[in-house]
């Protein structure tokens, strides 16, 4: 775990899921038991996101989130992510108790966010399919994203 990931985990007390665990779950026969939410704004989500991820406004109030998605989360493992896990941890913290009341099986933050997921060589997609791009958030944070070699 990187220093940044440790910092986020120590500042915001929510369950975290490692990228390897999520990848294993998503490639298993029970992958439909997982619902993934990208808590970045649309302009970041549009560049790339995890396959099957649903974009949700990071400022969306818990009540509105539950009205919009609550019924689909019963008996599901719910995973939230953002660039590095900071915004998604705060989002999860806001909705965590209500998710349990709605019958979600579990709720966790993807440790390291899409940056870790991508840097470990995992698939990210945009509206056209697989892509080698990730929104950098800004110039400083973008320095955490490893450039991939172009495949031909």
Protein backbone atom coordinates (compact mmCIF):
# COMPACT_ATOMS: atom_id res chain seq x y z
CA UNK A 1 0.00 0.00 0.00
CA UNK A 2 1.36 3.40 -0.96
CA UNK A 3 1.86 6.26 1.49
CA UNK A 4 -1.04 8.09 -0.16
CA UNK A 5 -3.32 5.08 0.26
CA UNK A 6 -2.32 4.79 3.94
CA UNK A 7 -3.04 8.49 4.45
CA UNK A 8 -6.50 8.24 2.88
CA UNK A 9 -7.31 5.09 4.88
CA UNK A 10 -6.18 6.67 8.15
CA UNK A 11 -8.15 9.90 7.59
CA UNK A 12 -11.45 8.36 6.52
CA UNK A 13 -12.56 5.22 8.34
CA UNK A 14 -14.38 3.12 5.74
CA UNK A 15 -13.85 -0.45 4.53
CA UNK A 16 -11.36 -0.66 1.67
CA UNK A 17 -11.09 -3.25 -1.07
CA UNK A 18 -7.79 -3.93 -2.81
CA UNK A 19 -7.73 -3.84 -6.62
CA UNK A 20 -6.72 -7.54 -6.77
CA UNK A 21 -9.78 -8.53 -4.76
CA UNK A 22 -12.11 -6.50 -6.96
CA UNK A 23 -10.54 -7.90 -10.12
CA UNK A 24 -10.96 -11.43 -8.80
CA UNK A 25 -14.59 -10.83 -7.90
CA UNK A 26 -15.38 -9.21 -11.24
CA UNK A 27 -13.89 -12.12 -13.16
CA UNK A 28 -15.81 -14.73 -11.15
CA UNK A 29 -19.20 -16.23 -11.84
CA UNK A 30 -20.75 -14.07 -9.11
CA UNK A 31 -19.60 -10.78 -10.65
CA UNK A 32 -23.19 -9.55 -10.92
CA UNK A 33 -23.29 -9.33 -7.13
CA UNK A 34 -21.04 -6.27 -7.44
CA UNK A 35 -22.21 -2.76 -8.23
CA UNK A 36 -19.49 -0.18 -8.90
CA UNK A 37 -19.91 3.57 -8.56
CA UNK A 38 -17.47 6.15 -9.90
CA UNK A 39 -17.71 9.21 -7.68
CA UNK A 40 -15.79 11.52 -10.01
CA UNK A 41 -17.54 14.25 -12.01
CA UNK A 42 -18.74 13.42 -15.55
CA UNK A 43 -15.75 15.09 -17.25
CA UNK A 44 -13.41 12.65 -15.46
CA UNK A 45 -15.68 9.63 -15.89
CA UNK A 46 -16.03 10.31 -19.63
CA UNK A 47 -12.26 10.00 -20.17
CA UNK A 48 -12.30 6.51 -18.65
CA UNK A 49 -13.80 4.41 -15.90
CA UNK A 50 -13.91 0.84 -14.69
CA UNK A 51 -16.08 -1.46 -16.79
CA UNK A 52 -19.72 -1.47 -15.59
CA UNK A 53 -19.13 1.54 -13.32
CA UNK A 54 -22.00 3.96 -12.86
CA UNK A 55 -21.11 7.64 -12.52
CA UNK A 56 -22.59 9.34 -9.49
CA UNK A 57 -22.24 12.98 -8.53
CA UNK A 58 -19.73 13.12 -5.66
CA UNK A 59 -21.86 15.78 -3.95
CA UNK A 60 -25.12 13.82 -4.23
CA UNK A 61 -26.91 13.73 -0.85
CA UNK A 62 -27.30 10.26 0.68
CA UNK A 63 -31.10 10.43 0.50
CA UNK A 64 -31.07 11.17 -3.20
CA UNK A 65 -28.48 8.45 -3.88
CA UNK A 66 -30.69 5.92 -2.12
CA UNK A 67 -33.82 7.07 -3.95
CA UNK A 68 -32.00 6.72 -7.24
CA UNK A 69 -30.12 3.44 -6.65
CA UNK A 70 -31.34 1.88 -3.40
CA UNK A 71 -33.53 -0.87 -4.84
CA UNK A 72 -30.72 -2.11 -7.11
CA UNK A 73 -28.30 -2.49 -4.17
CA UNK A 74 -30.15 -5.07 -2.10
CA UNK A 75 -27.92 -8.13 -1.54
CA UNK A 76 -25.14 -6.50 -3.58
CA UNK A 77 -21.53 -5.68 -2.78
CA UNK A 78 -21.20 -1.97 -3.47
CA UNK A 79 -17.83 -0.50 -4.42
CA UNK A 80 -17.03 3.20 -4.75
CA UNK A 81 -13.96 4.74 -6.34
CA UNK A 82 -12.50 8.03 -7.56
CA UNK A 83 -8.99 8.99 -8.66
CA UNK A 84 -7.10 7.93 -5.52
CA UNK A 85 -9.85 7.00 -3.07
CA UNK A 86 -10.30 10.26 -1.21
CA UNK A 87 -13.58 11.54 -2.66
CA UNK A 88 -15.05 8.05 -2.85
CA UNK A 89 -14.19 7.39 0.82
CA UNK A 90 -16.07 10.52 1.84
CA UNK A 91 -19.01 9.50 -0.34
CA UNK A 92 -19.07 6.02 1.18
CA UNK A 93 -18.86 7.47 4.66
CA UNK A 94 -21.99 9.54 3.91
CA UNK A 95 -24.07 6.62 2.62
CA UNK A 96 -22.63 3.62 4.48
CA UNK A 97 -25.28 3.25 7.22
CA UNK A 98 -28.12 3.76 4.77
CA UNK A 99 -26.70 1.14 2.40
CA UNK A 100 -26.79 -1.40 5.20
CA UNK A 101 -30.42 -0.48 5.94
CA UNK A 102 -31.23 -0.93 2.23
CA UNK A 103 -29.87 -4.48 2.41
CA UNK A 104 -26.53 -4.05 0.68
CA UNK A 105 -24.33 -7.03 1.44
CA UNK A 106 -21.21 -4.88 1.78
CA UNK A 107 -19.93 -1.42 0.90
CA UNK A 108 -16.29 -0.52 0.33
CA UNK A 109 -13.92 1.96 -1.24
CA UNK A 110 -11.51 0.79 -3.95
CA UNK A 111 -8.13 1.41 -2.30
CA UNK A 112 -6.01 3.62 -4.54
CA UNK A 113 -8.92 4.39 -6.87
CA UNK A 114 -8.76 4.30 -10.63
CA UNK A 115 -5.13 5.44 -10.58
CA UNK A 116 -4.03 2.25 -8.76
CA UNK A 117 -6.38 0.11 -10.86
CA UNK A 118 -4.94 1.55 -14.07
CA UNK A 119 -1.32 1.51 -12.89
CA UNK A 120 -1.63 -2.21 -12.17
CA UNK A 121 -2.51 -2.80 -15.82
CA UNK A 122 -6.25 -3.29 -15.47
CA UNK A 123 -8.84 -2.42 -18.07
CA UNK A 124 -10.43 1.02 -18.19
CA UNK A 125 -13.04 1.99 -20.74
CA UNK A 126 -14.75 5.00 -22.23
CA UNK A 127 -17.98 5.15 -24.23
CA UNK A 128 -16.24 3.45 -27.19
CA UNK A 129 -14.56 0.62 -25.27
CA UNK A 130 -11.05 0.04 -23.91
CA UNK A 131 -8.79 3.07 -23.62
CA UNK A 132 -5.30 3.91 -22.40
CA UNK A 133 -6.32 7.23 -20.87
CA UNK A 134 -7.17 8.26 -17.34
CA UNK A 135 -8.26 11.75 -16.35
CA UNK A 136 -5.36 13.17 -14.32
CA UNK A 137 -7.56 15.29 -12.02
CA UNK A 138 -4.89 17.98 -12.25
CA UNK A 139 -1.23 18.28 -13.21
CA UNK A 140 0.08 17.33 -9.76
CA UNK A 141 -2.19 14.34 -9.14
CA UNK A 142 -1.80 13.25 -12.74
CA UNK A 143 1.85 12.57 -11.96
CA UNK A 144 0.65 9.46 -10.09
CA UNK A 145 -0.65 7.88 -13.31
CA UNK A 146 1.86 5.66 -15.07
CA UNK A 147 1.93 6.05 -18.83
CA UNK A 148 1.14 2.84 -20.69
CA UNK A 149 3.04 1.71 -23.74
CA UNK A 150 0.84 1.87 -26.79
CA UNK A 151 -0.14 -1.52 -28.18
CA UNK A 152 -0.53 -2.00 -31.90
